[in-house]
Amino acid sequence: MQVIFISPKGEKVEAQGAAGDTLLSLGQNAGLPLEGTCEGQMACSTCHVIVAADWFDRLPEASEEEEDMLDLAAGVQRTSRLSCQIELTDALDGLVVSVPAESHDMQRM
């Protein structure tokens, strides 16, 4: 399935994934600055993405723990999510997400 990422510079990056992959791992493999410091344990907000409005309601609701972590993320918007918490399914083929301009992957610097 395909996911379209919009980089912090506004560039469109298309990535192919499989059901069960997390959006975090897909974005990292595509070279996007999604650090994921906690490795998907929901203990940080370094994998924050902004889901396109027309896709947001198609995702499962965020848990209270995810909402708490999003409170710590820079550039949060109404459709913000942690990419480590979004597991790809066939229903998400074509998903569009933006990586906030504030995102930096310190492991790649």
N, C-alpha and C. Protein backbone atom coordinates (compact mmCIF):
# COMPACT_ATOMS: atom_id res chain seq x y z
N MET A 1 0.83 -1.18 0.00
CA MET A 1 0.00 0.00 0.00
C MET A 1 0.87 1.24 0.00
N GLN A 2 0.33 2.32 -0.48
CA GLN A 2 1.09 3.55 -0.65
C GLN A 2 0.71 4.56 0.42
N VAL A 3 1.73 5.25 0.93
CA VAL A 3 1.54 6.39 1.83
C VAL A 3 2.30 7.55 1.22
N ILE A 4 1.68 8.70 1.23
CA ILE A 4 2.32 9.91 0.72
C ILE A 4 2.67 10.79 1.91
N PHE A 5 3.97 11.03 2.07
CA PHE A 5 4.47 11.91 3.10
C PHE A 5 4.77 13.27 2.46
N ILE A 6 4.46 14.33 3.17
CA ILE A 6 4.88 15.67 2.77
C ILE A 6 6.00 16.05 3.74
N SER A 7 7.20 16.23 3.20
CA SER A 7 8.38 16.51 4.04
C SER A 7 8.28 17.90 4.65
N PRO A 8 9.13 18.18 5.64
CA PRO A 8 9.14 19.53 6.22
C PRO A 8 9.41 20.63 5.19
N LYS A 9 10.06 20.27 4.07
CA LYS A 9 10.35 21.24 3.01
C LYS A 9 9.23 21.30 1.98
N GLY A 10 8.14 20.54 2.19
CA GLY A 10 7.01 20.56 1.28
C GLY A 10 7.13 19.59 0.12
N GLU A 11 8.15 18.74 0.14
CA GLU A 11 8.34 17.76 -0.93
C GLU A 11 7.46 16.54 -0.70
N LYS A 12 6.92 16.02 -1.78
CA LYS A 12 6.10 14.81 -1.71
C LYS A 12 7.01 13.59 -1.79
N VAL A 13 6.88 12.69 -0.79
CA VAL A 13 7.67 11.47 -0.75
C VAL A 13 6.69 10.30 -0.70
N GLU A 14 6.70 9.48 -1.75
CA GLU A 14 5.81 8.32 -1.79
C GLU A 14 6.55 7.11 -1.25
N ALA A 15 5.88 6.36 -0.38
CA ALA A 15 6.48 5.17 0.22
C ALA A 15 5.52 4.00 0.12
N GLN A 16 6.07 2.82 -0.05
CA GLN A 16 5.27 1.60 -0.14
C GLN A 16 5.45 0.81 1.15
N GLY A 17 4.35 0.36 1.71
CA GLY A 17 4.40 -0.43 2.93
C GLY A 17 3.46 -1.62 2.83
N ALA A 18 3.45 -2.40 3.88
CA ALA A 18 2.59 -3.58 3.95
C ALA A 18 1.70 -3.47 5.18
N ALA A 19 0.59 -4.17 5.14
CA ALA A 19 -0.30 -4.21 6.30
C ALA A 19 0.49 -4.65 7.51
N GLY A 20 0.30 -3.94 8.61
CA GLY A 20 1.02 -4.24 9.85
C GLY A 20 2.23 -3.37 10.09
N ASP A 21 2.77 -2.75 9.04
CA ASP A 21 3.89 -1.81 9.22
C ASP A 21 3.37 -0.59 9.97
N THR A 22 4.24 0.04 10.75
CA THR A 22 3.85 1.30 11.37
C THR A 22 4.23 2.45 10.44
N LEU A 23 3.49 3.51 10.57
CA LEU A 23 3.79 4.71 9.79
C LEU A 23 5.18 5.23 10.14
N LEU A 24 5.59 5.07 11.39
CA LEU A 24 6.93 5.49 11.81
C LEU A 24 8.01 4.75 11.03
N SER A 25 7.94 3.44 10.99
CA SER A 25 8.98 2.67 10.29
C SER A 25 8.98 2.97 8.80
N LEU A 26 7.82 3.15 8.23
CA LEU A 26 7.73 3.47 6.80
C LEU A 26 8.38 4.83 6.52
N GLY A 27 8.08 5.82 7.35
CA GLY A 27 8.66 7.15 7.18
C GLY A 27 10.17 7.15 7.38
N GLN A 28 10.64 6.43 8.38
CA GLN A 28 12.08 6.34 8.62
C GLN A 28 12.78 5.70 7.42
N ASN A 29 12.20 4.61 6.90
CA ASN A 29 12.79 3.94 5.74
C ASN A 29 12.80 4.81 4.50
N ALA A 30 11.89 5.79 4.45
CA ALA A 30 11.83 6.71 3.32
C ALA A 30 12.75 7.91 3.53
N GLY A 31 13.48 7.94 4.67
CA GLY A 31 14.45 9.00 4.92
C GLY A 31 13.89 10.27 5.53
N LEU A 32 12.68 10.20 6.07
CA LEU A 32 12.07 11.39 6.66
C LEU A 32 12.56 11.59 8.10
N PRO A 33 12.57 12.83 8.59
CA PRO A 33 13.08 13.12 9.93
C PRO A 33 12.10 12.76 11.04
N LEU A 34 11.79 11.48 11.14
CA LEU A 34 10.93 10.97 12.20
C LEU A 34 11.83 10.16 13.13
N GLU A 35 12.29 10.79 14.17
CA GLU A 35 13.30 10.18 15.03
C GLU A 35 12.80 8.94 15.75
N GLY A 36 11.65 9.02 16.38
CA GLY A 36 11.14 7.86 17.11
C GLY A 36 12.07 7.43 18.22
N THR A 37 12.52 8.38 19.01
CA THR A 37 13.50 8.13 20.07
C THR A 37 13.12 6.97 20.97
N CYS A 38 11.85 6.83 21.30
CA CYS A 38 11.41 5.78 22.23
C CYS A 38 11.12 4.46 21.53
N GLU A 39 11.38 4.41 20.22
CA GLU A 39 11.19 3.19 19.42
C GLU A 39 9.76 2.67 19.48
N GLY A 40 8.80 3.58 19.46
CA GLY A 40 7.40 3.19 19.40
C GLY A 40 6.76 2.87 20.72
N GLN A 41 7.41 3.20 21.82
CA GLN A 41 6.87 2.89 23.15
C GLN A 41 5.97 4.01 23.69
N MET A 42 5.70 5.01 22.89
CA MET A 42 4.85 6.15 23.24
C MET A 42 5.35 6.88 24.48
N ALA A 43 6.67 7.08 24.53
CA ALA A 43 7.29 7.80 25.64
C ALA A 43 7.92 9.10 25.16
N CYS A 44 7.67 9.48 23.92
CA CYS A 44 8.19 10.73 23.38
C CYS A 44 7.23 11.20 22.30
N SER A 45 7.56 12.30 21.65
CA SER A 45 6.70 12.79 20.57
C SER A 45 7.52 13.09 19.32
N THR A 46 8.67 12.41 19.18
CA THR A 46 9.58 12.70 18.06
C THR A 46 9.15 12.05 16.75
N CYS A 47 8.00 11.40 16.75
CA CYS A 47 7.48 10.80 15.50
C CYS A 47 6.15 11.45 15.11
N HIS A 48 5.91 12.65 15.63
CA HIS A 48 4.68 13.39 15.38
C HIS A 48 4.50 13.67 13.89
N VAL A 49 3.30 13.40 13.38
CA VAL A 49 2.93 13.75 12.01
C VAL A 49 1.56 14.42 12.03
N ILE A 50 1.26 15.10 10.94
CA ILE A 50 -0.05 15.73 10.78
C ILE A 50 -0.76 15.00 9.65
N VAL A 51 -1.86 14.36 10.00
CA VAL A 51 -2.63 13.57 9.04
C VAL A 51 -3.51 14.52 8.22
N ALA A 52 -3.56 14.30 6.91
CA ALA A 52 -4.43 15.10 6.05
C ALA A 52 -5.87 15.01 6.58
N ALA A 53 -6.55 16.13 6.60
CA ALA A 53 -7.89 16.21 7.21
C ALA A 53 -8.85 15.15 6.67
N ASP A 54 -8.81 14.88 5.37
CA ASP A 54 -9.75 13.91 4.79
C ASP A 54 -9.42 12.47 5.16
N TRP A 55 -8.28 12.23 5.78
CA TRP A 55 -7.89 10.89 6.24
C TRP A 55 -8.03 10.72 7.75
N PHE A 56 -8.06 11.81 8.48
CA PHE A 56 -7.99 11.75 9.94
C PHE A 56 -9.09 10.89 10.56
N ASP A 57 -10.31 11.05 10.12
CA ASP A 57 -11.43 10.30 10.71
C ASP A 57 -11.43 8.83 10.32
N ARG A 58 -10.58 8.43 9.40
CA ARG A 58 -10.49 7.02 9.00
C ARG A 58 -9.56 6.23 9.92
N LEU A 59 -8.80 6.94 10.74
CA LEU A 59 -7.88 6.29 11.66
C LEU A 59 -8.59 5.91 12.95
N PRO A 60 -8.11 4.86 13.61
CA PRO A 60 -8.64 4.57 14.96
C PRO A 60 -8.34 5.76 15.86
N GLU A 61 -9.19 5.97 16.86
CA GLU A 61 -8.99 7.10 17.77
C GLU A 61 -7.68 6.95 18.54
N ALA A 62 -7.07 8.08 18.84
CA ALA A 62 -5.85 8.10 19.64
C ALA A 62 -6.19 7.74 21.08
N SER A 63 -5.29 7.01 21.71
CA SER A 63 -5.48 6.67 23.12
C SER A 63 -5.20 7.91 23.97
N GLU A 64 -5.58 7.85 25.23
CA GLU A 64 -5.30 8.95 26.14
C GLU A 64 -3.80 9.17 26.29
N GLU A 65 -3.03 8.06 26.30
CA GLU A 65 -1.58 8.16 26.41
C GLU A 65 -0.98 8.87 25.20
N GLU A 66 -1.50 8.56 24.01
CA GLU A 66 -1.02 9.24 22.81
C GLU A 66 -1.36 10.72 22.86
N GLU A 67 -2.56 11.05 23.28
CA GLU A 67 -2.96 12.46 23.39
C GLU A 67 -2.03 13.20 24.36
N ASP A 68 -1.66 12.53 25.47
CA ASP A 68 -0.74 13.16 26.43
C ASP A 68 0.61 13.44 25.80
N MET A 69 1.12 12.52 24.98
CA MET A 69 2.42 12.72 24.32
C MET A 69 2.32 13.81 23.27
N LEU A 70 1.20 13.90 22.59
CA LEU A 70 1.03 14.95 21.58
C LEU A 70 1.04 16.33 22.21
N ASP A 71 0.64 16.42 23.48
CA ASP A 71 0.70 17.70 24.18
C ASP A 71 2.12 18.23 24.26
N LEU A 72 3.11 17.35 24.13
CA LEU A 72 4.52 17.73 24.22
C LEU A 72 5.16 18.00 22.86
N ALA A 73 4.45 17.71 21.79
CA ALA A 73 5.01 17.84 20.45
C ALA A 73 4.95 19.29 19.96
N ALA A 74 5.95 19.65 19.17
CA ALA A 74 5.99 20.99 18.57
C ALA A 74 5.12 21.01 17.32
N GLY A 75 4.41 22.10 17.11
CA GLY A 75 3.63 22.27 15.89
C GLY A 75 2.37 21.42 15.82
N VAL A 76 1.81 21.05 16.95
CA VAL A 76 0.61 20.19 16.98
C VAL A 76 -0.57 20.90 16.33
N GLN A 77 -1.33 20.11 15.58
CA GLN A 77 -2.56 20.59 14.96
C GLN A 77 -3.70 19.64 15.31
N ARG A 78 -4.90 19.97 14.91
CA ARG A 78 -6.07 19.16 15.23
C ARG A 78 -5.94 17.73 14.74
N THR A 79 -5.26 17.52 13.62
CA THR A 79 -5.14 16.18 13.04
C THR A 79 -3.78 15.54 13.32
N SER A 80 -3.12 15.99 14.36
CA SER A 80 -1.81 15.42 14.73
C SER A 80 -1.96 14.03 15.33
N ARG A 81 -0.99 13.18 15.02
CA ARG A 81 -0.91 11.83 15.60
C ARG A 81 0.56 11.45 15.75
N LEU A 82 0.82 10.42 16.54
CA LEU A 82 2.15 9.84 16.64
C LEU A 82 2.22 8.74 15.60
N SER A 83 3.21 8.81 14.72
CA SER A 83 3.28 7.83 13.63
C SER A 83 3.56 6.42 14.13
N CYS A 84 4.12 6.28 15.32
CA CYS A 84 4.36 4.94 15.88
C CYS A 84 3.07 4.24 16.25
N GLN A 85 1.99 5.00 16.36
CA GLN A 85 0.72 4.43 16.79
C GLN A 85 -0.23 4.16 15.62
N ILE A 86 0.22 4.42 14.41
CA ILE A 86 -0.62 4.18 13.23
C ILE A 86 -0.09 2.96 12.50
N GLU A 87 -0.87 1.90 12.55
CA GLU A 87 -0.52 0.66 11.87
C GLU A 87 -1.24 0.63 10.52
N LEU A 88 -0.49 0.34 9.47
CA LEU A 88 -1.06 0.35 8.14
C LEU A 88 -2.04 -0.81 7.95
N THR A 89 -3.14 -0.49 7.30
CA THR A 89 -4.14 -1.48 6.90
C THR A 89 -4.51 -1.18 5.46
N ASP A 90 -5.19 -2.11 4.81
CA ASP A 90 -5.62 -1.88 3.43
C ASP A 90 -6.48 -0.62 3.31
N ALA A 91 -7.23 -0.30 4.35
CA ALA A 91 -8.10 0.87 4.33
C ALA A 91 -7.31 2.18 4.31
N LEU A 92 -6.01 2.12 4.62
CA LEU A 92 -5.19 3.33 4.63
C LEU A 92 -4.34 3.50 3.39
N ASP A 93 -4.59 2.70 2.37
CA ASP A 93 -3.86 2.83 1.11
C ASP A 93 -4.10 4.21 0.53
N GLY A 94 -3.03 4.98 0.33
CA GLY A 94 -3.14 6.34 -0.19
C GLY A 94 -3.09 7.41 0.88
N LEU A 95 -2.93 7.01 2.15
CA LEU A 95 -2.86 7.94 3.28
C LEU A 95 -1.86 9.06 3.00
N VAL A 96 -2.23 10.27 3.40
CA VAL A 96 -1.36 11.43 3.23
C VAL A 96 -1.09 12.04 4.60
N VAL A 97 0.19 12.19 4.93
CA VAL A 97 0.58 12.81 6.20
C VAL A 97 1.72 13.79 5.95
N SER A 98 1.78 14.82 6.78
CA SER A 98 2.85 15.80 6.70
C SER A 98 3.75 15.67 7.92
N VAL A 99 5.04 15.84 7.68
CA VAL A 99 6.02 15.87 8.77
C VAL A 99 6.21 17.35 9.11
N PRO A 100 5.94 17.73 10.36
CA PRO A 100 6.02 19.16 10.72
C PRO A 100 7.41 19.75 10.48
N ALA A 101 7.44 21.03 10.20
CA ALA A 101 8.70 21.73 9.96
C ALA A 101 9.62 21.67 11.17
N GLU A 102 9.05 21.50 12.35
CA GLU A 102 9.84 21.45 13.58
C GLU A 102 10.54 20.11 13.79
N SER A 103 10.26 19.14 12.93
CA SER A 103 10.82 17.79 13.09
C SER A 103 12.29 17.75 12.71
N HIS A 104 13.07 17.11 13.57
CA HIS A 104 14.49 16.91 13.33
C HIS A 104 14.87 15.53 13.83
N ASP A 105 15.60 14.80 13.06
CA ASP A 105 16.08 13.49 13.49
C ASP A 105 17.53 13.67 13.92
N MET A 106 17.76 13.74 15.21
CA MET A 106 19.09 13.99 15.74
C MET A 106 20.04 12.83 15.44
N GLN A 107 19.50 11.66 15.14
CA GLN A 107 20.35 10.51 14.82
C GLN A 107 20.95 10.63 13.42
N ARG A 108 20.37 11.47 12.59
CA ARG A 108 20.86 11.64 11.21
C ARG A 108 21.70 12.89 11.04
N MET A 109 21.89 13.65 12.09
CA MET A 109 22.64 14.90 11.95
C MET A 109 24.11 14.68 12.12
